[in-house]
Structures are given as C-alpha cells and as structure tokens.
Amino acid sequence: MSLVTPPIGICTGCKTPISNSILINERCDRRFDGVRCNGVYRGALDYDDWKRCPVCEGTGLRVKKRCEECHGTGWQYAGKLKR
C-alpha cells in the first residue's frame, strides 16, 4: 500500500527511497549480489522531489507484488540527486 506522504530521502547509489529521518547522510545498507551499495541516503523534502508512481498508480503494488519502479512506496523520485 502507498504511503500517504512521500518518502523523505533517497539513496544516491541505488535510488532506494527511505522514510526514516535517522538514516539521512548515512551510507546505504542495501546489498546487491553480496556487494554493499556505495550510495548515501540524502534528504528529499522539496515539494517537487516526488511524484506518484505512474507504473502502479501510487499503490506500491503491481500485479499483486511490490512495484519495483517505486520500491513499493507508490512514489518516484523526480528531483536532482546530489552526491
């Protein structure tokens, strides 16, 4: 199910959105094929940073599974990432 409000941050590497403010400016903890992502979670709180995901129409689900385009949040990042 989609969050009512958009996420508050995003990873500069793998583009994973986050909703926990304590993670901002911390290194991403996701792993891909056993290798840790080299990105950092950055805050994304501007009005234009997020848009409803057009793939799942903001539900976070696609064919009864988590939407991979928005990581199940129902939102896609539309801002400009700063490393």
PDB file of N, CA and C in Angstrom:
ATOM      1  N   MET A   1       0.839  -1.183   0.000  1.00  0.00           N
ATOM      2  CA  MET A   1       0.000   0.000   0.000  1.00  0.00           C
ATOM      3  C   MET A   1       0.883   1.245   0.000  1.00  0.00           C
ATOM      4  N   SER A   2       0.465   2.256  -0.696  1.00  0.00           N
ATOM      5  CA  SER A   2       1.198   3.503  -0.825  1.00  0.00           C
ATOM      6  C   SER A   2       1.174   4.316   0.462  1.00  0.00           C
ATOM      7  N   LEU A   3       2.241   5.003   0.710  1.00  0.00           N
ATOM      8  CA  LEU A   3       2.284   5.922   1.838  1.00  0.00           C
ATOM      9  C   LEU A   3       1.447   7.152   1.513  1.00  0.00           C
ATOM     10  N   VAL A   4       0.837   7.749   2.515  1.00  0.00           N
ATOM     11  CA  VAL A   4       0.058   8.965   2.309  1.00  0.00           C
ATOM     12  C   VAL A   4       0.988  10.107   1.905  1.00  0.00           C
ATOM     13  N   THR A   5       2.131  10.181   2.538  1.00  0.00           N
ATOM     14  CA  THR A   5       3.118  11.205   2.211  1.00  0.00           C
ATOM     15  C   THR A   5       4.303  10.548   1.523  1.00  0.00           C
ATOM     16  N   PRO A   6       5.006  11.305   0.706  1.00  0.00           N
ATOM     17  CA  PRO A   6       6.160  10.708   0.019  1.00  0.00           C
ATOM     18  C   PRO A   6       7.299  10.409   0.985  1.00  0.00           C
ATOM     19  N   PRO A   7       8.258   9.586   0.555  1.00  0.00           N
ATOM     20  CA  PRO A   7       9.436   9.318   1.373  1.00  0.00           C
ATOM     21  C   PRO A   7      10.181  10.628   1.664  1.00  0.00           C
ATOM     22  N   ILE A   8      11.095  10.596   2.631  1.00  0.00           N
ATOM     23  CA  ILE A   8      11.817  11.817   2.998  1.00  0.00           C
ATOM     24  C   ILE A   8      13.256  11.823   2.507  1.00  0.00           C
ATOM     25  N   GLY A   9      13.692  10.727   1.916  1.00  0.00           N
ATOM     26  CA  GLY A   9      15.064  10.667   1.429  1.00  0.00           C
ATOM     27  C   GLY A   9      15.234   9.565   0.407  1.00  0.00           C
ATOM     28  N   ILE A  10      16.427   9.546  -0.195  1.00  0.00           N
ATOM     29  CA  ILE A  10      16.712   8.567  -1.245  1.00  0.00           C
ATOM     30  C   ILE A  10      18.210   8.276  -1.277  1.00  0.00           C
ATOM     31  N   CYS A  11      18.561   7.053  -1.658  1.00  0.00           N
ATOM     32  CA  CYS A  11      19.964   6.669  -1.785  1.00  0.00           C
ATOM     33  C   CYS A  11      20.532   7.232  -3.080  1.00  0.00           C
ATOM     34  N   THR A  12      21.724   7.809  -3.001  1.00  0.00           N
ATOM     35  CA  THR A  12      22.362   8.378  -4.184  1.00  0.00           C
ATOM     36  C   THR A  12      22.892   7.292  -5.124  1.00  0.00           C
ATOM     37  N   GLY A  13      23.006   6.064  -4.638  1.00  0.00           N
ATOM     38  CA  GLY A  13      23.509   4.976  -5.465  1.00  0.00           C
ATOM     39  C   GLY A  13      22.404   4.161  -6.107  1.00  0.00           C
ATOM     40  N   CYS A  14      21.641   3.451  -5.289  1.00  0.00           N
ATOM     41  CA  CYS A  14      20.629   2.524  -5.811  1.00  0.00           C
ATOM     42  C   CYS A  14      19.237   3.147  -5.920  1.00  0.00           C
ATOM     43  N   LYS A  15      19.090   4.389  -5.498  1.00  0.00           N
ATOM     44  CA  LYS A  15      17.832   5.148  -5.610  1.00  0.00           C
ATOM     45  C   LYS A  15      16.700   4.593  -4.739  1.00  0.00           C
ATOM     46  N   THR A  16      17.042   3.871  -3.680  1.00  0.00           N
ATOM     47  CA  THR A  16      16.029   3.358  -2.761  1.00  0.00           C
ATOM     48  C   THR A  16      15.504   4.492  -1.895  1.00  0.00           C
ATOM     49  N   PRO A  17      14.178   4.687  -1.852  1.00  0.00           N
ATOM     50  CA  PRO A  17      13.614   5.730  -1.003  1.00  0.00           C
ATOM     51  C   PRO A  17      13.582   5.295   0.461  1.00  0.00           C
ATOM     52  N   ILE A  18      13.635   6.267   1.375  1.00  0.00           N
ATOM     53  CA  ILE A  18      13.566   5.979   2.806  1.00  0.00           C
ATOM     54  C   ILE A  18      12.532   6.877   3.465  1.00  0.00           C
ATOM     55  N   SER A  19      12.001   6.412   4.577  1.00  0.00           N
ATOM     56  CA  SER A  19      11.032   7.185   5.345  1.00  0.00           C
ATOM     57  C   SER A  19      11.513   7.443   6.769  1.00  0.00           C
ATOM     58  N   ASN A  20      12.701   6.980   7.099  1.00  0.00           N
ATOM     59  CA  ASN A  20      13.261   7.148   8.437  1.00  0.00           C
ATOM     60  C   ASN A  20      14.329   8.243   8.414  1.00  0.00           C
ATOM     61  N   SER A  21      14.069   9.363   9.068  1.00  0.00           N
ATOM     62  CA  SER A  21      14.987  10.506   9.027  1.00  0.00           C
ATOM     63  C   SER A  21      16.339  10.214   9.665  1.00  0.00           C
ATOM     64  N   ILE A  22      16.428   9.228  10.529  1.00  0.00           N
ATOM     65  CA  ILE A  22      17.699   8.913  11.178  1.00  0.00           C
ATOM     66  C   ILE A  22      18.734   8.385  10.175  1.00  0.00           C
ATOM     67  N   LEU A  23      18.277   7.914   9.018  1.00  0.00           N
ATOM     68  CA  LEU A  23      19.191   7.365   8.003  1.00  0.00           C
ATOM     69  C   LEU A  23      19.810   8.425   7.100  1.00  0.00           C
ATOM     70  N   ILE A  24      19.281   9.643   7.106  1.00  0.00           N
ATOM     71  CA  ILE A  24      19.806  10.694   6.223  1.00  0.00           C
ATOM     72  C   ILE A  24      21.273  10.953   6.526  1.00  0.00           C
ATOM     73  N   ASN A  25      22.069  11.007   5.471  1.00  0.00           N
ATOM     74  CA  ASN A  25      23.527  11.187   5.480  1.00  0.00           C
ATOM     75  C   ASN A  25      24.293   9.938   5.919  1.00  0.00           C
ATOM     76  N   GLU A  26      23.595   8.816   6.085  1.00  0.00           N
ATOM     77  CA  GLU A  26      24.242   7.544   6.398  1.00  0.00           C
ATOM     78  C   GLU A  26      24.450   6.768   5.102  1.00  0.00           C
ATOM     79  N   ARG A  27      25.427   5.885   5.113  1.00  0.00           N
ATOM     80  CA  ARG A  27      25.675   5.045   3.942  1.00  0.00           C
ATOM     81  C   ARG A  27      24.537   4.043   3.782  1.00  0.00           C
ATOM     82  N   CYS A  28      24.156   3.798   2.549  1.00  0.00           N
ATOM     83  CA  CYS A  28      23.097   2.842   2.239  1.00  0.00           C
ATOM     84  C   CYS A  28      23.511   1.451   2.714  1.00  0.00           C
ATOM     85  N   ASP A  29      22.547   0.705   3.241  1.00  0.00           N
ATOM     86  CA  ASP A  29      22.853  -0.633   3.753  1.00  0.00           C
ATOM     87  C   ASP A  29      22.367  -1.760   2.840  1.00  0.00           C
ATOM     88  N   ARG A  30      21.854  -1.421   1.660  1.00  0.00           N
ATOM     89  CA  ARG A  30      21.387  -2.458   0.742  1.00  0.00           C
ATOM     90  C   ARG A  30      22.556  -3.184   0.098  1.00  0.00           C
ATOM     91  N   ARG A  31      22.313  -4.444  -0.229  1.00  0.00           N
ATOM     92  CA  ARG A  31      23.338  -5.271  -0.869  1.00  0.00           C
ATOM     93  C   ARG A  31      22.795  -5.825  -2.185  1.00  0.00           C
ATOM     94  N   PHE A  32      23.667  -5.857  -3.173  1.00  0.00           N
ATOM     95  CA  PHE A  32      23.334  -6.395  -4.489  1.00  0.00           C
ATOM     96  C   PHE A  32      24.395  -7.413  -4.851  1.00  0.00           C
ATOM     97  N   ASP A  33      23.991  -8.663  -5.007  1.00  0.00           N
ATOM     98  CA  ASP A  33      24.922  -9.768  -5.289  1.00  0.00           C
ATOM     99  C   ASP A  33      26.052  -9.818  -4.271  1.00  0.00           C
ATOM    100  N   GLY A  34      25.717  -9.568  -3.000  1.00  0.00           N
ATOM    101  CA  GLY A  34      26.697  -9.648  -1.920  1.00  0.00           C
ATOM    102  C   GLY A  34      27.566  -8.413  -1.744  1.00  0.00           C
ATOM    103  N   VAL A  35      27.380  -7.400  -2.589  1.00  0.00           N
ATOM    104  CA  VAL A  35      28.186  -6.187  -2.513  1.00  0.00           C
ATOM    105  C   VAL A  35      27.316  -5.046  -1.983  1.00  0.00           C
ATOM    106  N   ARG A  36      27.832  -4.341  -0.983  1.00  0.00           N
ATOM    107  CA  ARG A  36      27.071  -3.245  -0.386  1.00  0.00           C
ATOM    108  C   ARG A  36      27.026  -2.048  -1.332  1.00  0.00           C
ATOM    109  N   CYS A  37      25.862  -1.428  -1.419  1.00  0.00           N
ATOM    110  CA  CYS A  37      25.682  -0.224  -2.237  1.00  0.00           C
ATOM    111  C   CYS A  37      26.649   0.854  -1.746  1.00  0.00           C
ATOM    112  N   ASN A  38      27.184   1.643  -2.668  1.00  0.00           N
ATOM    113  CA  ASN A  38      28.126   2.696  -2.278  1.00  0.00           C
ATOM    114  C   ASN A  38      27.453   4.059  -2.128  1.00  0.00           C
ATOM    115  N   GLY A  39      26.125   4.093  -2.185  1.00  0.00           N
ATOM    116  CA  GLY A  39      25.395   5.351  -2.070  1.00  0.00           C
ATOM    117  C   GLY A  39      25.210   5.809  -0.629  1.00  0.00           C
ATOM    118  N   VAL A  40      24.718   7.028  -0.505  1.00  0.00           N
ATOM    119  CA  VAL A  40      24.435   7.654   0.789  1.00  0.00           C
ATOM    120  C   VAL A  40      22.995   8.147   0.748  1.00  0.00           C
ATOM    121  N   TYR A  41      22.274   7.987   1.852  1.00  0.00           N
ATOM    122  CA  TYR A  41      20.899   8.481   1.904  1.00  0.00           C
ATOM    123  C   TYR A  41      20.910  10.000   2.040  1.00  0.00           C
ATOM    124  N   ARG A  42      20.244  10.684   1.122  1.00  0.00           N
ATOM    125  CA  ARG A  42      20.128  12.142   1.137  1.00  0.00           C
ATOM    126  C   ARG A  42      18.682  12.530   1.357  1.00  0.00           C
ATOM    127  N   GLY A  43      18.481  13.628   2.049  1.00  0.00           N
ATOM    128  CA  GLY A  43      17.132  14.130   2.269  1.00  0.00           C
ATOM    129  C   GLY A  43      16.515  14.612   0.973  1.00  0.00           C
ATOM    130  N   ALA A  44      15.223  14.405   0.835  1.00  0.00           N
ATOM    131  CA  ALA A  44      14.492  14.835  -0.360  1.00  0.00           C
ATOM    132  C   ALA A  44      13.120  15.313   0.105  1.00  0.00           C
ATOM    133  N   LEU A  45      13.068  16.533   0.585  1.00  0.00           N
ATOM    134  CA  LEU A  45      11.848  17.056   1.194  1.00  0.00           C
ATOM    135  C   LEU A  45      11.184  18.163   0.396  1.00  0.00           C
ATOM    136  N   ASP A  46      11.791  18.573  -0.717  1.00  0.00           N
ATOM    137  CA  ASP A  46      11.189  19.635  -1.513  1.00  0.00           C
ATOM    138  C   ASP A  46       9.905  19.151  -2.171  1.00  0.00           C
ATOM    139  N   TYR A  47       8.996  20.070  -2.378  1.00  0.00           N
ATOM    140  CA  TYR A  47       7.687  19.763  -2.957  1.00  0.00           C
ATOM    141  C   TYR A  47       7.810  19.015  -4.284  1.00  0.00           C
ATOM    142  N   ASP A  48       8.767  19.398  -5.098  1.00  0.00           N
ATOM    143  CA  ASP A  48       8.917  18.798  -6.430  1.00  0.00           C
ATOM    144  C   ASP A  48       9.817  17.563  -6.460  1.00  0.00           C
ATOM    145  N   ASP A  49      10.290  17.088  -5.312  1.00  0.00           N
ATOM    146  CA  ASP A  49      11.187  15.934  -5.282  1.00  0.00           C
ATOM    147  C   ASP A  49      10.497  14.614  -5.625  1.00  0.00           C
ATOM    148  N   TRP A  50       9.186  14.513  -5.388  1.00  0.00           N
ATOM    149  CA  TRP A  50       8.483  13.248  -5.557  1.00  0.00           C
ATOM    150  C   TRP A  50       7.248  13.396  -6.430  1.00  0.00           C
ATOM    151  N   LYS A  51       6.922  12.325  -7.150  1.00  0.00           N
ATOM    152  CA  LYS A  51       5.674  12.265  -7.917  1.00  0.00           C
ATOM    153  C   LYS A  51       5.080  10.872  -7.706  1.00  0.00           C
ATOM    154  N   ARG A  52       3.772  10.780  -7.827  1.00  0.00           N
ATOM    155  CA  ARG A  52       3.122   9.472  -7.711  1.00  0.00           C
ATOM    156  C   ARG A  52       3.660   8.556  -8.806  1.00  0.00           C
ATOM    157  N   CYS A  53       3.912   7.318  -8.463  1.00  0.00           N
ATOM    158  CA  CYS A  53       4.437   6.348  -9.427  1.00  0.00           C
ATOM    159  C   CYS A  53       3.399   6.077 -10.513  1.00  0.00           C
ATOM    160  N   PRO A  54       3.738   6.344 -11.781  1.00  0.00           N
ATOM    161  CA  PRO A  54       2.777   6.096 -12.864  1.00  0.00           C
ATOM    162  C   PRO A  54       2.620   4.608 -13.188  1.00  0.00           C
ATOM    163  N   VAL A  55       3.589   3.797 -12.807  1.00  0.00           N
ATOM    164  CA  VAL A  55       3.537   2.366 -13.119  1.00  0.00           C
ATOM    165  C   VAL A  55       2.477   1.662 -12.266  1.00  0.00           C
ATOM    166  N   CYS A  56       2.453   1.960 -10.963  1.00  0.00           N
ATOM    167  CA  CYS A  56       1.486   1.306 -10.062  1.00  0.00           C
ATOM    168  C   CYS A  56       0.359   2.252  -9.648  1.00  0.00           C
ATOM    169  N   GLU A  57       0.358   3.455 -10.222  1.00  0.00           N
ATOM    170  CA  GLU A  57      -0.636   4.485  -9.924  1.00  0.00           C
ATOM    171  C   GLU A  57      -0.677   4.846  -8.445  1.00  0.00           C
ATOM    172  N   GLY A  58       0.491   4.826  -7.808  1.00  0.00           N
ATOM    173  CA  GLY A  58       0.597   5.237  -6.418  1.00  0.00           C
ATOM    174  C   GLY A  58       0.209   4.190  -5.393  1.00  0.00           C
ATOM    175  N   THR A  59      -0.036   2.961  -5.819  1.00  0.00           N
ATOM    176  CA  THR A  59      -0.441   1.913  -4.874  1.00  0.00           C
ATOM    177  C   THR A  59       0.738   1.192  -4.241  1.00  0.00           C
ATOM    178  N   GLY A  60       1.884   1.193  -4.917  1.00  0.00           N
ATOM    179  CA  GLY A  60       3.040   0.442  -4.442  1.00  0.00           C
ATOM    180  C   GLY A  60       3.004  -1.017  -4.861  1.00  0.00           C
ATOM    181  N   LEU A  61       1.926  -1.415  -5.540  1.00  0.00           N
ATOM    182  CA  LEU A  61       1.769  -2.804  -5.973  1.00  0.00           C
ATOM    183  C   LEU A  61       1.572  -2.885  -7.472  1.00  0.00           C
ATOM    184  N   ARG A  62       2.104  -3.963  -8.037  1.00  0.00           N
ATOM    185  CA  ARG A  62       1.936  -4.217  -9.467  1.00  0.00           C
ATOM    186  C   ARG A  62       1.706  -5.707  -9.638  1.00  0.00           C
ATOM    187  N   VAL A  63       0.549  -6.077 -10.127  1.00  0.00           N
ATOM    188  CA  VAL A  63       0.150  -7.477 -10.286  1.00  0.00           C
ATOM    189  C   VAL A  63       0.333  -8.224  -8.954  1.00  0.00           C
ATOM    190  N   LYS A  64      -0.210  -7.656  -7.895  1.00  0.00           N
ATOM    191  CA  LYS A  64      -0.223  -8.243  -6.550  1.00  0.00           C
ATOM    192  C   LYS A  64       1.167  -8.424  -5.933  1.00  0.00           C
ATOM    193  N   LYS A  65       2.174  -7.794  -6.507  1.00  0.00           N
ATOM    194  CA  LYS A  65       3.528  -7.832  -5.960  1.00  0.00           C
ATOM    195  C   LYS A  65       4.031  -6.404  -5.801  1.00  0.00           C
ATOM    196  N   ARG A  66       5.090  -6.245  -5.042  1.00  0.00           N
ATOM    197  CA  ARG A  66       5.674  -4.930  -4.832  1.00  0.00           C
ATOM    198  C   ARG A  66       6.136  -4.328  -6.150  1.00  0.00           C
ATOM    199  N   CYS A  67       5.780  -3.085  -6.376  1.00  0.00           N
ATOM    200  CA  CYS A  67       6.203  -2.382  -7.581  1.00  0.00           C
ATOM    201  C   CYS A  67       7.700  -2.092  -7.480  1.00  0.00           C
ATOM    202  N   GLU A  68       8.462  -2.557  -8.436  1.00  0.00           N
ATOM    203  CA  GLU A  68       9.915  -2.354  -8.414  1.00  0.00           C
ATOM    204  C   GLU A  68      10.304  -0.943  -8.848  1.00  0.00           C
ATOM    205  N   GLU A  69       9.446  -0.270  -9.592  1.00  0.00           N
ATOM    206  CA  GLU A  69       9.762   1.089 -10.050  1.00  0.00           C
ATOM    207  C   GLU A  69       9.823   2.080  -8.895  1.00  0.00           C
ATOM    208  N   CYS A  70       8.990   1.874  -7.878  1.00  0.00           N
ATOM    209  CA  CYS A  70       8.937   2.816  -6.744  1.00  0.00           C
ATOM    210  C   CYS A  70       9.346   2.150  -5.440  1.00  0.00           C
ATOM    211  N   HIS A  71       9.864   0.933  -5.510  1.00  0.00           N
ATOM    212  CA  HIS A  71      10.269   0.168  -4.315  1.00  0.00           C
ATOM    213  C   HIS A  71       9.111  -0.033  -3.358  1.00  0.00           C
ATOM    214  N   GLY A  72       7.887  -0.103  -3.896  1.00  0.00           N
ATOM    215  CA  GLY A  72       6.708  -0.364  -3.089  1.00  0.00           C
ATOM    216  C   GLY A  72       6.181   0.828  -2.301  1.00  0.00           C
ATOM    217  N   THR A  73       6.699   2.028  -2.572  1.00  0.00           N
ATOM    218  CA  THR A  73       6.257   3.213  -1.815  1.00  0.00           C
ATOM    219  C   THR A  73       5.099   3.940  -2.483  1.00  0.00           C
ATOM    220  N   GLY A  74       4.929   3.746  -3.789  1.00  0.00           N
ATOM    221  CA  GLY A  74       3.907   4.486  -4.527  1.00  0.00           C
ATOM    222  C   GLY A  74       4.412   5.828  -5.028  1.00  0.00           C
ATOM    223  N   TRP A  75       5.687   6.126  -4.783  1.00  0.00           N
ATOM    224  CA  TRP A  75       6.290   7.410  -5.167  1.00  0.00           C
ATOM    225  C   TRP A  75       7.565   7.181  -5.965  1.00  0.00           C
ATOM    226  N   GLN A  76       7.835   8.053  -6.923  1.00  0.00           N
ATOM    227  CA  GLN A  76       9.104   8.036  -7.653  1.00  0.00           C
ATOM    228  C   GLN A  76       9.818   9.356  -7.432  1.00  0.00           C
ATOM    229  N   TYR A  77      11.134   9.271  -7.315  1.00  0.00           N
ATOM    230  CA  TYR A  77      11.933  10.479  -7.107  1.00  0.00           C
ATOM    231  C   TYR A  77      11.992  11.271  -8.400  1.00  0.00           C
ATOM    232  N   ALA A  78      11.705  12.552  -8.326  1.00  0.00           N
ATOM    233  CA  ALA A  78      11.695  13.419  -9.512  1.00  0.00           C
ATOM    234  C   ALA A  78      12.677  14.577  -9.365  1.00  0.00           C
ATOM    235  N   GLY A  79      13.390  14.624  -8.255  1.00  0.00           N
ATOM    236  CA  GLY A  79      14.344  15.708  -8.011  1.00  0.00           C
ATOM    237  C   GLY A  79      15.704  15.422  -8.613  1.00  0.00           C
ATOM    238  N   LYS A  80      16.662  16.234  -8.250  1.00  0.00           N
ATOM    239  CA  LYS A  80      18.035  16.058  -8.711  1.00  0.00           C
ATOM    240  C   LYS A  80      18.886  15.607  -7.535  1.00  0.00           C
ATOM    241  N   LEU A  81      19.513  14.458  -7.695  1.00  0.00           N
ATOM    242  CA  LEU A  81      20.345  13.916  -6.613  1.00  0.00           C
ATOM    243  C   LEU A  81      21.682  14.633  -6.525  1.00  0.00           C
ATOM    244  N   LYS A  82      22.077  14.923  -5.310  1.00  0.00           N
ATOM    245  CA  LYS A  82      23.396  15.487  -5.053  1.00  0.00           C
ATOM    246  C   LYS A  82      24.189  14.435  -4.312  1.00  0.00           C
ATOM    247  N   ARG A  83      25.316  14.058  -4.829  1.00  0.00           N
ATOM    248  CA  ARG A  83      26.146  13.045  -4.185  1.00  0.00           C
ATOM    249  C   ARG A  83      26.787  13.659  -3.007  1.00  0.00           C
TER     250      ARG A  83
END
